[in-house]
PDB file of N, CA and C in Angstrom:
ATOM      1  N   MET A   1       1.079  -1.167   0.103  1.00  0.00           N
ATOM      2  CA  MET A   1       0.398   0.085  -0.119  1.00  0.00           C
ATOM      3  C   MET A   1       1.172   1.040   0.284  1.00  0.00           C
ATOM      4  N   SER A   2       1.198   1.871  -1.103  1.00  0.00           N
ATOM      5  CA  SER A   2       1.428   2.977  -1.123  1.00  0.00           C
ATOM      6  C   SER A   2       0.490   4.009   0.134  1.00  0.00           C
ATOM      7  N   LEU A   3       1.578   5.491   0.553  1.00  0.00           N
ATOM      8  CA  LEU A   3       1.273   6.470   0.989  1.00  0.00           C
ATOM      9  C   LEU A   3       0.633   7.067   0.705  1.00  0.00           C
ATOM     10  N   LYS A   4       0.057   7.251  -0.913  1.00  0.00           N
ATOM     11  CA  LYS A   4      -1.051   8.220  -1.058  1.00  0.00           C
ATOM     12  C   LYS A   4      -2.429   7.602  -0.926  1.00  0.00           C
ATOM     13  N   THR A   5      -1.939   5.907  -1.157  1.00  0.00           N
ATOM     14  CA  THR A   5      -3.681   5.075  -0.621  1.00  0.00           C
ATOM     15  C   THR A   5      -3.493   5.450   0.973  1.00  0.00           C
ATOM     16  N   PHE A   6      -2.907   5.395   2.005  1.00  0.00           N
ATOM     17  CA  PHE A   6      -2.673   5.268   3.532  1.00  0.00           C
ATOM     18  C   PHE A   6      -3.262   6.684   3.499  1.00  0.00           C
ATOM     19  N   HIS A   7      -2.727   7.728   2.883  1.00  0.00           N
ATOM     20  CA  HIS A   7      -3.582   8.805   3.155  1.00  0.00           C
ATOM     21  C   HIS A   7      -5.006   9.375   3.173  1.00  0.00           C
ATOM     22  N   ILE A   8      -4.921   8.417   1.945  1.00  0.00           N
ATOM     23  CA  ILE A   8      -6.996   8.981   1.879  1.00  0.00           C
ATOM     24  C   ILE A   8      -7.780   7.616   2.647  1.00  0.00           C
ATOM     25  N   VAL A   9      -7.354   6.311   2.375  1.00  0.00           N
ATOM     26  CA  VAL A   9      -8.295   5.605   3.423  1.00  0.00           C
ATOM     27  C   VAL A   9      -7.964   6.331   5.095  1.00  0.00           C
ATOM     28  N   PHE A  10      -7.144   6.771   5.345  1.00  0.00           N
ATOM     29  CA  PHE A  10      -6.570   7.714   6.547  1.00  0.00           C
ATOM     30  C   PHE A  10      -7.765   8.952   7.125  1.00  0.00           C
ATOM     31  N   ILE A  11      -7.888   9.630   5.986  1.00  0.00           N
ATOM     32  CA  ILE A  11      -8.740  10.759   5.809  1.00  0.00           C
ATOM     33  C   ILE A  11     -10.018  10.361   5.561  1.00  0.00           C
ATOM     34  N   THR A  12     -10.724   9.371   4.943  1.00  0.00           N
ATOM     35  CA  THR A  12     -11.666   8.915   4.859  1.00  0.00           C
ATOM     36  C   THR A  12     -12.340   7.878   6.362  1.00  0.00           C
ATOM     37  N   VAL A  13     -11.433   7.609   6.733  1.00  0.00           N
ATOM     38  CA  VAL A  13     -11.588   6.971   7.964  1.00  0.00           C
ATOM     39  C   VAL A  13     -11.777   7.950   9.227  1.00  0.00           C
ATOM     40  N   CYS A  14     -11.355   8.933   9.246  1.00  0.00           N
ATOM     41  CA  CYS A  14     -11.309   9.956   9.835  1.00  0.00           C
ATOM     42  C   CYS A  14     -12.248  11.046  10.084  1.00  0.00           C
ATOM     43  N   VAL A  15     -12.966  11.064   8.707  1.00  0.00           N
ATOM     44  CA  VAL A  15     -13.844  12.100   8.146  1.00  0.00           C
ATOM     45  C   VAL A  15     -15.460  11.432   9.115  1.00  0.00           C
ATOM     46  N   LEU A  16     -15.419   9.980   8.617  1.00  0.00           N
ATOM     47  CA  LEU A  16     -16.674   8.674   8.835  1.00  0.00           C
ATOM     48  C   LEU A  16     -17.398   8.457  10.183  1.00  0.00           C
ATOM     49  N   LEU A  17     -15.455   9.493  10.984  1.00  0.00           N
ATOM     50  CA  LEU A  17     -15.798   8.962  12.876  1.00  0.00           C
ATOM     51  C   LEU A  17     -15.987  10.342  12.977  1.00  0.00           C
ATOM     52  N   LEU A  18     -15.810  11.170  12.336  1.00  0.00           N
ATOM     53  CA  LEU A  18     -15.944  13.131  12.894  1.00  0.00           C
ATOM     54  C   LEU A  18     -17.709  12.939  12.417  1.00  0.00           C
ATOM     55  N   LEU A  19     -18.054  12.669  11.254  1.00  0.00           N
ATOM     56  CA  LEU A  19     -19.965  12.303  11.585  1.00  0.00           C
ATOM     57  C   LEU A  19     -20.227  11.755  12.242  1.00  0.00           C
ATOM     58  N   PHE A  20     -19.995  10.974  12.949  1.00  0.00           N
ATOM     59  CA  PHE A  20     -20.832  10.098  14.143  1.00  0.00           C
ATOM     60  C   PHE A  20     -20.687  10.470  15.425  1.00  0.00           C
ATOM     61  N   LEU A  21     -19.393  11.207  15.464  1.00  0.00           N
ATOM     62  CA  LEU A  21     -19.452  11.995  16.276  1.00  0.00           C
ATOM     63  C   LEU A  21     -19.550  13.080  16.785  1.00  0.00           C
ATOM     64  N   SER A  22     -20.065  13.727  15.424  1.00  0.00           N
ATOM     65  CA  SER A  22     -21.183  15.001  15.085  1.00  0.00           C
ATOM     66  C   SER A  22     -22.607  14.220  15.457  1.00  0.00           C
ATOM     67  N   GLY A  23     -23.034  13.386  14.648  1.00  0.00           N
ATOM     68  CA  GLY A  23     -24.471  13.239  14.998  1.00  0.00           C
ATOM     69  C   GLY A  23     -24.722  12.323  16.715  1.00  0.00           C
ATOM     70  N   TRP A  24     -24.029  11.754  16.670  1.00  0.00           N
ATOM     71  CA  TRP A  24     -23.832  11.529  18.324  1.00  0.00           C
ATOM     72  C   TRP A  24     -23.619  13.089  19.527  1.00  0.00           C
ATOM     73  N   ALA A  25     -23.353  13.489  19.568  1.00  0.00           N
ATOM     74  CA  ALA A  25     -23.641  15.201  20.091  1.00  0.00           C
ATOM     75  C   ALA A  25     -24.349  15.317  20.337  1.00  0.00           C
ATOM     76  N   PHE A  26     -25.439  16.063  18.932  1.00  0.00           N
ATOM     77  CA  PHE A  26     -26.137  16.428  18.276  1.00  0.00           C
ATOM     78  C   PHE A  26     -27.440  15.867  19.133  1.00  0.00           C
ATOM     79  N   SER A  27     -27.130  14.015  18.995  1.00  0.00           N
ATOM     80  CA  SER A  27     -28.039  13.410  19.607  1.00  0.00           C
ATOM     81  C   SER A  27     -28.482  14.121  21.011  1.00  0.00           C
ATOM     82  N   ASN A  28     -27.356  13.542  21.175  1.00  0.00           N
ATOM     83  CA  ASN A  28     -26.554  14.145  23.487  1.00  0.00           C
ATOM     84  C   ASN A  28     -27.785  15.130  23.447  1.00  0.00           C
ATOM     85  N   SER A  29     -27.628  16.190  22.738  1.00  0.00           N
ATOM     86  CA  SER A  29     -28.255  18.196  22.836  1.00  0.00           C
ATOM     87  C   SER A  29     -29.203  17.941  22.649  1.00  0.00           C
ATOM     88  N   ARG A  30     -29.688  16.927  21.855  1.00  0.00           N
ATOM     89  CA  ARG A  30     -31.494  17.412  21.997  1.00  0.00           C
ATOM     90  C   ARG A  30     -31.682  16.533  22.772  1.00  0.00           C
ATOM     91  N   GLN A  31     -32.042  15.453  23.458  1.00  0.00           N
ATOM     92  CA  GLN A  31     -32.153  15.037  24.478  1.00  0.00           C
ATOM     93  C   GLN A  31     -31.786  15.218  26.251  1.00  0.00           C
ATOM     94  N   GLY A  32     -31.724  16.722  25.960  1.00  0.00           N
ATOM     95  CA  GLY A  32     -31.554  17.566  26.860  1.00  0.00           C
ATOM     96  C   GLY A  32     -29.977  17.445  27.861  1.00  0.00           C
ATOM     97  N   GLY A  33     -28.921  17.608  26.596  1.00  0.00           N
ATOM     98  CA  GLY A  33     -27.727  16.965  27.104  1.00  0.00           C
ATOM     99  C   GLY A  33     -27.063  18.253  27.749  1.00  0.00           C
ATOM    100  N   GLY A  34     -27.606  19.202  26.648  1.00  0.00           N
ATOM    101  CA  GLY A  34     -26.719  20.946  27.096  1.00  0.00           C
ATOM    102  C   GLY A  34     -25.831  21.267  25.718  1.00  0.00           C
ATOM    103  N   THR A  35     -25.740  22.687  26.124  1.00  0.00           N
ATOM    104  CA  THR A  35     -24.632  22.880  24.515  1.00  0.00           C
ATOM    105  C   THR A  35     -23.491  23.071  24.911  1.00  0.00           C
ATOM    106  N   LEU A  36     -23.472  22.278  25.525  1.00  0.00           N
ATOM    107  CA  LEU A  36     -21.736  21.800  25.160  1.00  0.00           C
ATOM    108  C   LEU A  36     -21.775  21.003  24.384  1.00  0.00           C
ATOM    109  N   ASP A  37     -22.158  20.148  24.000  1.00  0.00           N
ATOM    110  CA  ASP A  37     -22.870  18.932  23.062  1.00  0.00           C
ATOM    111  C   ASP A  37     -24.080  19.069  22.018  1.00  0.00           C
ATOM    112  N   ALA A  38     -23.838  20.501  22.199  1.00  0.00           N
ATOM    113  CA  ALA A  38     -23.553  21.349  20.422  1.00  0.00           C
ATOM    114  C   ALA A  38     -22.738  22.143  19.700  1.00  0.00           C
ATOM    115  N   VAL A  39     -22.149  22.132  20.911  1.00  0.00           N
ATOM    116  CA  VAL A  39     -20.396  22.545  20.445  1.00  0.00           C
ATOM    117  C   VAL A  39     -19.648  21.720  20.227  1.00  0.00           C
ATOM    118  N   TRP A  40     -20.095  20.721  20.510  1.00  0.00           N
ATOM    119  CA  TRP A  40     -18.754  19.254  20.312  1.00  0.00           C
ATOM    120  C   TRP A  40     -19.645  19.100  18.928  1.00  0.00           C
ATOM    121  N   GLY A  41     -20.771  19.185  18.860  1.00  0.00           N
ATOM    122  CA  GLY A  41     -21.367  18.090  17.213  1.00  0.00           C
ATOM    123  C   GLY A  41     -20.868  19.288  16.476  1.00  0.00           C
ATOM    124  N   SER A  42     -20.981  21.101  16.158  1.00  0.00           N
ATOM    125  CA  SER A  42     -20.657  21.752  14.859  1.00  0.00           C
ATOM    126  C   SER A  42     -19.212  21.805  15.591  1.00  0.00           C
ATOM    127  N   LEU A  43     -18.520  21.242  16.396  1.00  0.00           N
ATOM    128  CA  LEU A  43     -16.340  21.080  15.830  1.00  0.00           C
ATOM    129  C   LEU A  43     -16.512  20.260  14.818  1.00  0.00           C
ATOM    130  N   ALA A  44     -17.477  18.928  15.226  1.00  0.00           N
ATOM    131  CA  ALA A  44     -16.921  17.918  14.871  1.00  0.00           C
ATOM    132  C   ALA A  44     -17.146  17.735  13.532  1.00  0.00           C
ATOM    133  N   LEU A  45     -18.281  18.637  13.119  1.00  0.00           N
ATOM    134  CA  LEU A  45     -18.986  18.747  11.751  1.00  0.00           C
ATOM    135  C   LEU A  45     -18.172  19.655  11.115  1.00  0.00           C
ATOM    136  N   ALA A  46     -17.574  20.901  11.590  1.00  0.00           N
ATOM    137  CA  ALA A  46     -16.651  21.824  10.550  1.00  0.00           C
ATOM    138  C   ALA A  46     -15.567  21.101  10.584  1.00  0.00           C
ATOM    139  N   THR A  47     -15.115  20.722  11.348  1.00  0.00           N
ATOM    140  CA  THR A  47     -13.552  19.422  11.121  1.00  0.00           C
ATOM    141  C   THR A  47     -13.541  18.248  10.176  1.00  0.00           C
ATOM    142  N   ALA A  48     -15.391  18.275  10.068  1.00  0.00           N
ATOM    143  CA  ALA A  48     -15.281  17.216   8.857  1.00  0.00           C
ATOM    144  C   ALA A  48     -14.805  17.252   7.484  1.00  0.00           C
ATOM    145  N   VAL A  49     -15.581  19.185   7.976  1.00  0.00           N
ATOM    146  CA  VAL A  49     -15.914  18.707   6.088  1.00  0.00           C
ATOM    147  C   VAL A  49     -14.512  19.448   6.052  1.00  0.00           C
ATOM    148  N   ALA A  50     -13.665  20.323   6.606  1.00  0.00           N
ATOM    149  CA  ALA A  50     -12.689  21.159   6.511  1.00  0.00           C
ATOM    150  C   ALA A  50     -11.622  19.665   6.254  1.00  0.00           C
ATOM    151  N   LEU A  51     -11.928  18.488   6.900  1.00  0.00           N
ATOM    152  CA  LEU A  51     -11.155  17.379   6.657  1.00  0.00           C
ATOM    153  C   LEU A  51     -11.407  16.997   5.179  1.00  0.00           C
ATOM    154  N   ALA A  52     -12.491  16.396   4.925  1.00  0.00           N
ATOM    155  CA  ALA A  52     -13.440  16.259   3.148  1.00  0.00           C
ATOM    156  C   ALA A  52     -12.410  17.430   1.647  1.00  0.00           C
ATOM    157  N   VAL A  53     -12.966  18.870   2.902  1.00  0.00           N
ATOM    158  CA  VAL A  53     -11.687  19.647   1.049  1.00  0.00           C
ATOM    159  C   VAL A  53     -10.691  19.143   1.079  1.00  0.00           C
ATOM    160  N   TYR A  54     -10.190  19.013   2.065  1.00  0.00           N
ATOM    161  CA  TYR A  54      -8.534  18.673   2.682  1.00  0.00           C
ATOM    162  C   TYR A  54      -8.079  17.540   0.904  1.00  0.00           C
ATOM    163  N   GLY A  55      -9.569  16.460   1.737  1.00  0.00           N
ATOM    164  CA  GLY A  55      -8.817  15.377   0.842  1.00  0.00           C
ATOM    165  C   GLY A  55      -9.513  15.204  -0.432  1.00  0.00           C
ATOM    166  N   GLN A  56     -10.325  16.577  -1.125  1.00  0.00           N
ATOM    167  CA  GLN A  56     -10.212  16.316  -2.413  1.00  0.00           C
ATOM    168  C   GLN A  56      -8.896  17.665  -2.953  1.00  0.00           C
ATOM    169  N   ARG A  57      -8.617  17.980  -1.941  1.00  0.00           N
ATOM    170  CA  ARG A  57      -7.373  18.662  -2.439  1.00  0.00           C
ATOM    171  C   ARG A  57      -6.162  18.050  -3.107  1.00  0.00           C
ATOM    172  N   PHE A  58      -6.022  16.928  -1.795  1.00  0.00           N
ATOM    173  CA  PHE A  58      -4.884  16.464  -1.924  1.00  0.00           C
ATOM    174  C   PHE A  58      -5.064  15.140  -2.978  1.00  0.00           C
ATOM    175  N   LEU A  59      -6.091  14.419  -3.410  1.00  0.00           N
ATOM    176  CA  LEU A  59      -6.341  13.727  -4.623  1.00  0.00           C
ATOM    177  C   LEU A  59      -6.169  14.437  -6.333  1.00  0.00           C
ATOM    178  N   LYS A  60      -6.457  16.288  -6.059  1.00  0.00           N
ATOM    179  CA  LYS A  60      -6.398  16.912  -7.635  1.00  0.00           C
ATOM    180  C   LYS A  60      -4.764  17.375  -7.693  1.00  0.00           C
ATOM    181  N   ARG A  61      -4.293  17.415  -6.479  1.00  0.00           N
ATOM    182  CA  ARG A  61      -2.703  17.617  -6.162  1.00  0.00           C
ATOM    183  C   ARG A  61      -1.777  16.940  -7.135  1.00  0.00           C
ATOM    184  N   LEU A  62      -1.910  15.368  -6.324  1.00  0.00           N
ATOM    185  CA  LEU A  62      -1.285  13.815  -6.793  1.00  0.00           C
ATOM    186  C   LEU A  62      -2.108  13.103  -7.450  1.00  0.00           C
ATOM    187  N   LYS A  63      -2.724  14.066  -8.679  1.00  0.00           N
ATOM    188  CA  LYS A  63      -3.665  13.092  -9.125  1.00  0.00           C
ATOM    189  C   LYS A  63      -2.533  11.594 -10.322  1.00  0.00           C
ATOM    190  N   HIS A  64      -1.266  12.278 -10.688  1.00  0.00           N
ATOM    191  CA  HIS A  64      -0.715  11.777 -11.329  1.00  0.00           C
ATOM    192  C   HIS A  64       0.338  10.583 -11.039  1.00  0.00           C
ATOM    193  N   ILE A  65       0.528  11.235  -9.415  1.00  0.00           N
ATOM    194  CA  ILE A  65       1.202   9.817  -8.574  1.00  0.00           C
ATOM    195  C   ILE A  65       0.101   8.384  -9.020  1.00  0.00           C
ATOM    196  N   SER A  66       0.059   7.044  -8.864  1.00  0.00           N
ATOM    197  CA  SER A  66      -0.243   6.452  -8.935  1.00  0.00           C
ATOM    198  C   SER A  66      -0.573   6.134  -7.299  1.00  0.00           C
ATOM    199  N   PHE A  67      -1.218   4.820  -7.461  1.00  0.00           N
ATOM    200  CA  PHE A  67      -1.730   3.932  -6.062  1.00  0.00           C
ATOM    201  C   PHE A  67      -1.207   3.257  -5.718  1.00  0.00           C
ATOM    202  N   LEU A  68      -0.560   2.268  -6.395  1.00  0.00           N
ATOM    203  CA  LEU A  68       0.545   1.139  -6.161  1.00  0.00           C
ATOM    204  C   LEU A  68       1.714   1.594  -5.354  1.00  0.00           C
TER     205      LEU A  68
END
């Protein structure tokens, strides 16, 4: 597995985990968890979006390098 492939897999897993964390925090916030859970959910969602944008730019920048 190349470093490029590992990087893409790692970014994808991180985005998925952040989306899960965001949903979990928002769910806790709706069930009476307070504003701190809403803040955590917002931060996790913003970080997931930022990582997704980073992943797209990474792929665009290194499209000439193979995945092998």
